[in-house]
Amino acid sequence: MWLRILVGTNGAYDILCALLALFFPDVFLGTLHVNMFVSEKDNRHVVLRRVMAYWILSYGTIRLTWGIVDTTPRGLVALSYFLEAVCMWMEDVVYLTTHEWKVAIVAWSCVVMGALVLIY
């Protein structure tokens, strides 16, 4: 039960960050995800900000629904975490566009959360 609460809370947080990035992009939580990018130009790019917000909104919804009701398959929830980790590592290792330590925190947290969901 504690894990579903944690994942659901994480999903609600993701949705809040996504909505703030879309409608109030200068509010702190609205800038957290795009500030992972090194380039100030990337941080301020409105299309990048919106696409990231839509992506965050999608995986946040998956996580929130699993936290509230048990209808979302565990595999999909775990996949949302693993996919986020892989995408963050790709941006860092392949494209060299992000702050390495920020990506490390996010990616490893996602791997741990995905693994916990799978063994839950």
C-alpha atoms as a PDB file:
ATOM      1  CA  MET A   1       0.000   0.000   0.000  1.00  0.00           C
ATOM      2  CA  TRP A   2       2.834   2.416   0.862  1.00  0.00           C
ATOM      3  CA  LEU A   3       4.315   2.028  -2.619  1.00  0.00           C
ATOM      4  CA  ARG A   4       1.025   2.816  -4.343  1.00  0.00           C
ATOM      5  CA  ILE A   5       0.729   5.952  -2.199  1.00  0.00           C
ATOM      6  CA  LEU A   6       4.307   6.935  -3.085  1.00  0.00           C
ATOM      7  CA  VAL A   7       3.766   6.326  -6.818  1.00  0.00           C
ATOM      8  CA  GLY A   8       0.401   8.111  -6.751  1.00  0.00           C
ATOM      9  CA  THR A   9       1.961  11.084  -4.971  1.00  0.00           C
ATOM     10  CA  ASN A  10       4.776  11.112  -7.525  1.00  0.00           C
ATOM     11  CA  GLY A  11       2.166  11.078 -10.294  1.00  0.00           C
ATOM     12  CA  ALA A  12       0.292  14.003  -8.741  1.00  0.00           C
ATOM     13  CA  TYR A  13       3.584  15.889  -8.420  1.00  0.00           C
ATOM     14  CA  ASP A  14       4.396  15.188 -12.090  1.00  0.00           C
ATOM     15  CA  ILE A  15       0.977  16.423 -13.186  1.00  0.00           C
ATOM     16  CA  LEU A  16       1.365  19.580 -11.093  1.00  0.00           C
ATOM     17  CA  CYS A  17       4.823  20.241 -12.602  1.00  0.00           C
ATOM     18  CA  ALA A  18       3.479  19.665 -16.114  1.00  0.00           C
ATOM     19  CA  LEU A  19       0.510  21.993 -15.664  1.00  0.00           C
ATOM     20  CA  LEU A  20       2.707  24.694 -14.165  1.00  0.00           C
ATOM     21  CA  ALA A  21       5.180  24.330 -17.043  1.00  0.00           C
ATOM     22  CA  LEU A  22       2.308  24.779 -19.484  1.00  0.00           C
ATOM     23  CA  PHE A  23       0.444  27.641 -17.847  1.00  0.00           C
ATOM     24  CA  PHE A  24       2.883  29.255 -15.389  1.00  0.00           C
ATOM     25  CA  PRO A  25       6.324  28.463 -16.822  1.00  0.00           C
ATOM     26  CA  ASP A  26       8.241  30.800 -14.504  1.00  0.00           C
ATOM     27  CA  VAL A  27       6.984  29.205 -11.281  1.00  0.00           C
ATOM     28  CA  PHE A  28       9.667  27.046  -9.616  1.00  0.00           C
ATOM     29  CA  LEU A  29       7.974  23.661 -10.119  1.00  0.00           C
ATOM     30  CA  GLY A  30       7.235  24.620 -13.708  1.00  0.00           C
ATOM     31  CA  THR A  31      10.946  25.043 -14.410  1.00  0.00           C
ATOM     32  CA  LEU A  32      12.369  21.961 -12.670  1.00  0.00           C
ATOM     33  CA  HIS A  33      12.270  19.559 -15.592  1.00  0.00           C
ATOM     34  CA  VAL A  34      13.477  21.897 -18.331  1.00  0.00           C
ATOM     35  CA  ASN A  35      16.263  23.214 -16.101  1.00  0.00           C
ATOM     36  CA  MET A  36      17.898  19.818 -16.405  1.00  0.00           C
ATOM     37  CA  PHE A  37      19.153  21.023 -19.780  1.00  0.00           C
ATOM     38  CA  VAL A  38      22.497  22.801 -19.868  1.00  0.00           C
ATOM     39  CA  SER A  39      21.676  25.289 -22.596  1.00  0.00           C
ATOM     40  CA  GLU A  40      19.750  28.363 -21.522  1.00  0.00           C
ATOM     41  CA  LYS A  41      18.367  28.440 -25.061  1.00  0.00           C
ATOM     42  CA  ASP A  42      16.894  24.954 -24.512  1.00  0.00           C
ATOM     43  CA  ASN A  43      15.533  25.968 -21.098  1.00  0.00           C
ATOM     44  CA  ARG A  44      13.619  28.861 -22.634  1.00  0.00           C
ATOM     45  CA  HIS A  45      12.490  27.118 -25.824  1.00  0.00           C
ATOM     46  CA  VAL A  46       8.685  27.224 -25.647  1.00  0.00           C
ATOM     47  CA  VAL A  47       8.082  24.165 -27.813  1.00  0.00           C
ATOM     48  CA  LEU A  48      10.561  22.063 -25.838  1.00  0.00           C
ATOM     49  CA  ARG A  49       8.896  23.191 -22.610  1.00  0.00           C
ATOM     50  CA  ARG A  50       5.431  22.274 -23.896  1.00  0.00           C
ATOM     51  CA  VAL A  51       6.458  18.888 -25.298  1.00  0.00           C
ATOM     52  CA  MET A  52       8.199  18.019 -22.041  1.00  0.00           C
ATOM     53  CA  ALA A  53       5.104  19.100 -20.118  1.00  0.00           C
ATOM     54  CA  TYR A  54       2.870  16.862 -22.262  1.00  0.00           C
ATOM     55  CA  TRP A  55       5.248  13.938 -21.755  1.00  0.00           C
ATOM     56  CA  ILE A  56       5.393  14.526 -17.991  1.00  0.00           C
ATOM     57  CA  LEU A  57       1.604  14.811 -17.926  1.00  0.00           C
ATOM     58  CA  SER A  58       1.273  11.443 -19.660  1.00  0.00           C
ATOM     59  CA  TYR A  59       3.506   9.456 -17.321  1.00  0.00           C
ATOM     60  CA  GLY A  60       2.202  11.362 -14.300  1.00  0.00           C
ATOM     61  CA  THR A  61      -1.320  10.266 -15.197  1.00  0.00           C
ATOM     62  CA  ILE A  62      -0.221   6.626 -15.446  1.00  0.00           C
ATOM     63  CA  ARG A  63       1.385   6.826 -12.004  1.00  0.00           C
ATOM     64  CA  LEU A  64      -1.481   8.708 -10.372  1.00  0.00           C
ATOM     65  CA  THR A  65      -4.093   6.246 -11.612  1.00  0.00           C
ATOM     66  CA  TRP A  66      -2.108   3.296 -10.253  1.00  0.00           C
ATOM     67  CA  GLY A  67      -1.844   5.086  -6.924  1.00  0.00           C
ATOM     68  CA  ILE A  68      -5.578   5.767  -6.747  1.00  0.00           C
ATOM     69  CA  VAL A  69      -7.123   2.661  -8.311  1.00  0.00           C
ATOM     70  CA  ASP A  70      -5.497  -0.637  -9.134  1.00  0.00           C
ATOM     71  CA  THR A  71      -6.616  -0.701 -12.766  1.00  0.00           C
ATOM     72  CA  THR A  72      -3.358   0.412 -14.389  1.00  0.00           C
ATOM     73  CA  PRO A  73      -1.090  -2.598 -15.023  1.00  0.00           C
ATOM     74  CA  ARG A  74       2.031  -2.652 -12.843  1.00  0.00           C
ATOM     75  CA  GLY A  75       4.141  -3.295 -15.921  1.00  0.00           C
ATOM     76  CA  LEU A  76       2.966  -0.046 -17.491  1.00  0.00           C
ATOM     77  CA  VAL A  77       3.773   1.904 -14.342  1.00  0.00           C
ATOM     78  CA  ALA A  78       7.235   0.341 -14.134  1.00  0.00           C
ATOM     79  CA  LEU A  79       7.755   0.986 -17.848  1.00  0.00           C
ATOM     80  CA  SER A  80       6.936   4.672 -17.334  1.00  0.00           C
ATOM     81  CA  TYR A  81       9.783   4.874 -14.812  1.00  0.00           C
ATOM     82  CA  PHE A  82      12.249   2.875 -16.921  1.00  0.00           C
ATOM     83  CA  LEU A  83      11.428   4.888 -20.033  1.00  0.00           C
ATOM     84  CA  GLU A  84      11.980   8.145 -18.160  1.00  0.00           C
ATOM     85  CA  ALA A  85      15.356   6.858 -16.937  1.00  0.00           C
ATOM     86  CA  VAL A  86      16.435   5.780 -20.420  1.00  0.00           C
ATOM     87  CA  CYS A  87      15.371   9.091 -21.975  1.00  0.00           C
ATOM     88  CA  MET A  88      17.248  11.067 -19.336  1.00  0.00           C
ATOM     89  CA  TRP A  89      20.395   8.977 -19.829  1.00  0.00           C
ATOM     90  CA  MET A  90      20.112   9.374 -23.613  1.00  0.00           C
ATOM     91  CA  GLU A  91      19.996  13.151 -23.274  1.00  0.00           C
ATOM     92  CA  ASP A  92      22.988  13.053 -20.958  1.00  0.00           C
ATOM     93  CA  VAL A  93      25.238  10.397 -22.488  1.00  0.00           C
ATOM     94  CA  VAL A  94      24.372  10.521 -26.191  1.00  0.00           C
ATOM     95  CA  TYR A  95      23.347  14.124 -26.761  1.00  0.00           C
ATOM     96  CA  LEU A  96      25.272  15.796 -23.891  1.00  0.00           C
ATOM     97  CA  THR A  97      22.457  18.278 -23.299  1.00  0.00           C
ATOM     98  CA  THR A  98      21.794  17.913 -19.574  1.00  0.00           C
ATOM     99  CA  HIS A  99      23.418  18.468 -16.197  1.00  0.00           C
ATOM    100  CA  GLU A 100      24.990  15.115 -15.368  1.00  0.00           C
ATOM    101  CA  TRP A 101      24.272  15.130 -11.631  1.00  0.00           C
ATOM    102  CA  LYS A 102      20.608  16.091 -12.123  1.00  0.00           C
ATOM    103  CA  VAL A 103      20.119  13.284 -14.624  1.00  0.00           C
ATOM    104  CA  ALA A 104      21.873  10.817 -12.326  1.00  0.00           C
ATOM    105  CA  ILE A 105      19.469  11.602  -9.482  1.00  0.00           C
ATOM    106  CA  VAL A 106      16.366  11.389 -11.668  1.00  0.00           C
ATOM    107  CA  ALA A 107      17.432   8.337 -13.651  1.00  0.00           C
ATOM    108  CA  TRP A 108      18.538   6.256 -10.668  1.00  0.00           C
ATOM    109  CA  SER A 109      15.393   7.214  -8.756  1.00  0.00           C
ATOM    110  CA  CYS A 110      13.331   6.049 -11.724  1.00  0.00           C
ATOM    111  CA  VAL A 111      15.187   2.737 -11.913  1.00  0.00           C
ATOM    112  CA  VAL A 112      14.609   2.118  -8.200  1.00  0.00           C
ATOM    113  CA  MET A 113      10.926   3.082  -8.425  1.00  0.00           C
ATOM    114  CA  GLY A 114      10.392   0.927 -11.511  1.00  0.00           C
ATOM    115  CA  ALA A 115      12.041  -2.051  -9.815  1.00  0.00           C
ATOM    116  CA  LEU A 116       9.981  -1.560  -6.666  1.00  0.00           C
ATOM    117  CA  VAL A 117       6.765  -1.448  -8.696  1.00  0.00           C
ATOM    118  CA  LEU A 118       7.721  -4.671 -10.486  1.00  0.00           C
ATOM    119  CA  ILE A 119       8.433  -6.576  -7.273  1.00  0.00           C
ATOM    120  CA  TYR A 120       5.463  -5.080  -5.385  1.00  0.00           C
END
